[in-house]
Amino acid sequence: EFWADGYFARTVGDQVTAEVIKRYIQYHRQEEKSPQQLDLFGAVP
């Protein structure tokens, strides 16, 4: 199993289920909502 920004890979087998895919999607949706980087002194890039 491998997790990285925007990428997921896993060996083929009976371990990959609909539940695994569902959790992966939910995890990335939560990550998109949280800030990736804090702004220094509140500056907007």
N, C-alpha and C. Protein backbone atom coordinates (compact mmCIF):
# COMPACT_ATOMS: atom_id res chain seq x y z
N GLU A 1 0.85 -1.18 0.00
CA GLU A 1 0.00 0.00 0.00
C GLU A 1 0.89 1.23 0.00
N PHE A 2 0.53 2.22 -0.79
CA PHE A 2 1.33 3.43 -0.94
C PHE A 2 0.40 4.64 -0.99
N TRP A 3 0.66 5.62 -0.15
CA TRP A 3 -0.13 6.85 -0.13
C TRP A 3 0.80 8.02 -0.37
N ALA A 4 0.39 8.95 -1.21
CA ALA A 4 1.12 10.19 -1.44
C ALA A 4 0.12 11.23 -1.92
N ASP A 5 0.56 12.47 -2.08
CA ASP A 5 -0.34 13.52 -2.55
C ASP A 5 -0.94 13.14 -3.89
N GLY A 6 -2.23 12.93 -3.90
CA GLY A 6 -2.94 12.66 -5.14
C GLY A 6 -2.67 11.32 -5.77
N TYR A 7 -2.13 10.37 -5.01
CA TYR A 7 -1.77 9.09 -5.61
C TYR A 7 -1.98 7.96 -4.62
N PHE A 8 -2.53 6.88 -5.09
CA PHE A 8 -2.73 5.70 -4.25
C PHE A 8 -2.49 4.47 -5.09
N ALA A 9 -1.69 3.57 -4.61
CA ALA A 9 -1.43 2.32 -5.33
C ALA A 9 -1.44 1.19 -4.33
N ARG A 10 -1.94 0.06 -4.76
CA ARG A 10 -1.97 -1.11 -3.90
C ARG A 10 -1.92 -2.34 -4.79
N THR A 11 -1.31 -3.38 -4.30
CA THR A 11 -1.25 -4.60 -5.09
C THR A 11 -2.65 -5.16 -5.28
N VAL A 12 -2.85 -5.81 -6.40
CA VAL A 12 -4.15 -6.37 -6.72
C VAL A 12 -4.40 -7.59 -5.85
N GLY A 13 -5.59 -7.67 -5.33
CA GLY A 13 -5.96 -8.80 -4.50
C GLY A 13 -7.30 -8.57 -3.86
N ASP A 14 -7.70 -9.48 -3.03
CA ASP A 14 -9.01 -9.35 -2.41
C ASP A 14 -9.03 -8.35 -1.27
N GLN A 15 -7.90 -7.70 -0.99
CA GLN A 15 -7.84 -6.69 0.07
C GLN A 15 -8.40 -5.35 -0.40
N VAL A 16 -8.43 -5.10 -1.72
CA VAL A 16 -8.98 -3.86 -2.24
C VAL A 16 -10.49 -4.03 -2.36
N THR A 17 -11.20 -3.35 -1.52
CA THR A 17 -12.66 -3.47 -1.48
C THR A 17 -13.29 -2.10 -1.71
N ALA A 18 -14.58 -2.09 -1.84
CA ALA A 18 -15.31 -0.83 -1.98
C ALA A 18 -15.07 0.05 -0.75
N GLU A 19 -14.94 -0.56 0.42
CA GLU A 19 -14.70 0.21 1.65
C GLU A 19 -13.34 0.90 1.61
N VAL A 20 -12.32 0.24 1.10
CA VAL A 20 -10.98 0.83 0.98
C VAL A 20 -11.04 2.03 0.05
N ILE A 21 -11.71 1.90 -1.07
CA ILE A 21 -11.82 2.99 -2.03
C ILE A 21 -12.61 4.15 -1.42
N LYS A 22 -13.68 3.84 -0.71
CA LYS A 22 -14.50 4.86 -0.06
C LYS A 22 -13.68 5.66 0.96
N ARG A 23 -12.91 4.96 1.79
CA ARG A 23 -12.07 5.65 2.78
C ARG A 23 -11.02 6.52 2.10
N TYR A 24 -10.44 6.05 0.99
CA TYR A 24 -9.45 6.81 0.25
C TYR A 24 -10.04 8.12 -0.26
N ILE A 25 -11.24 8.05 -0.83
CA ILE A 25 -11.89 9.25 -1.35
C ILE A 25 -12.22 10.22 -0.22
N GLN A 26 -12.76 9.71 0.88
CA GLN A 26 -13.10 10.57 2.02
C GLN A 26 -11.85 11.23 2.59
N TYR A 27 -10.76 10.49 2.68
CA TYR A 27 -9.50 11.03 3.20
C TYR A 27 -9.04 12.21 2.36
N HIS A 28 -9.09 12.06 1.05
CA HIS A 28 -8.61 13.12 0.17
C HIS A 28 -9.57 14.31 0.14
N ARG A 29 -10.84 14.08 0.32
CA ARG A 29 -11.78 15.21 0.40
C ARG A 29 -11.50 16.03 1.65
N GLN A 30 -11.22 15.37 2.77
CA GLN A 30 -10.90 16.08 4.01
C GLN A 30 -9.61 16.85 3.85
N GLU A 31 -8.64 16.26 3.18
CA GLU A 31 -7.34 16.89 2.99
C GLU A 31 -7.48 18.15 2.13
N GLU A 32 -8.36 18.12 1.13
CA GLU A 32 -8.57 19.27 0.27
C GLU A 32 -9.15 20.45 1.04
N LYS A 33 -9.93 20.18 2.08
CA LYS A 33 -10.56 21.23 2.86
C LYS A 33 -9.59 21.87 3.84
N SER A 34 -8.54 21.17 4.22
CA SER A 34 -7.59 21.73 5.17
C SER A 34 -6.49 22.47 4.42
N PRO A 35 -5.98 23.56 4.99
CA PRO A 35 -4.94 24.33 4.30
C PRO A 35 -3.65 23.52 4.14
N GLN A 36 -3.06 23.63 2.98
CA GLN A 36 -1.82 22.91 2.69
C GLN A 36 -0.61 23.64 3.27
N GLN A 37 -0.68 24.97 3.30
CA GLN A 37 0.46 25.74 3.75
C GLN A 37 -0.05 27.00 4.45
N LEU A 38 0.57 27.35 5.55
CA LEU A 38 0.20 28.56 6.26
C LEU A 38 0.83 29.77 5.60
N ASP A 39 0.12 30.90 5.62
CA ASP A 39 0.66 32.14 5.07
C ASP A 39 1.48 32.85 6.14
N LEU A 40 2.59 33.40 5.74
CA LEU A 40 3.45 34.16 6.65
C LEU A 40 2.86 35.56 6.82
N PHE A 41 2.57 35.95 8.03
CA PHE A 41 2.01 37.26 8.37
C PHE A 41 0.66 37.50 7.71
N GLY A 42 -0.06 36.44 7.37
CA GLY A 42 -1.38 36.59 6.77
C GLY A 42 -1.36 37.09 5.34
N ALA A 43 -0.21 37.07 4.71
CA ALA A 43 -0.10 37.55 3.33
C ALA A 43 -0.80 36.59 2.38
N VAL A 44 -1.43 37.15 1.38
CA VAL A 44 -2.10 36.34 0.37
C VAL A 44 -1.16 36.22 -0.82
N PRO A 45 -0.88 35.00 -1.27
CA PRO A 45 0.06 34.86 -2.40
C PRO A 45 -0.49 35.43 -3.68
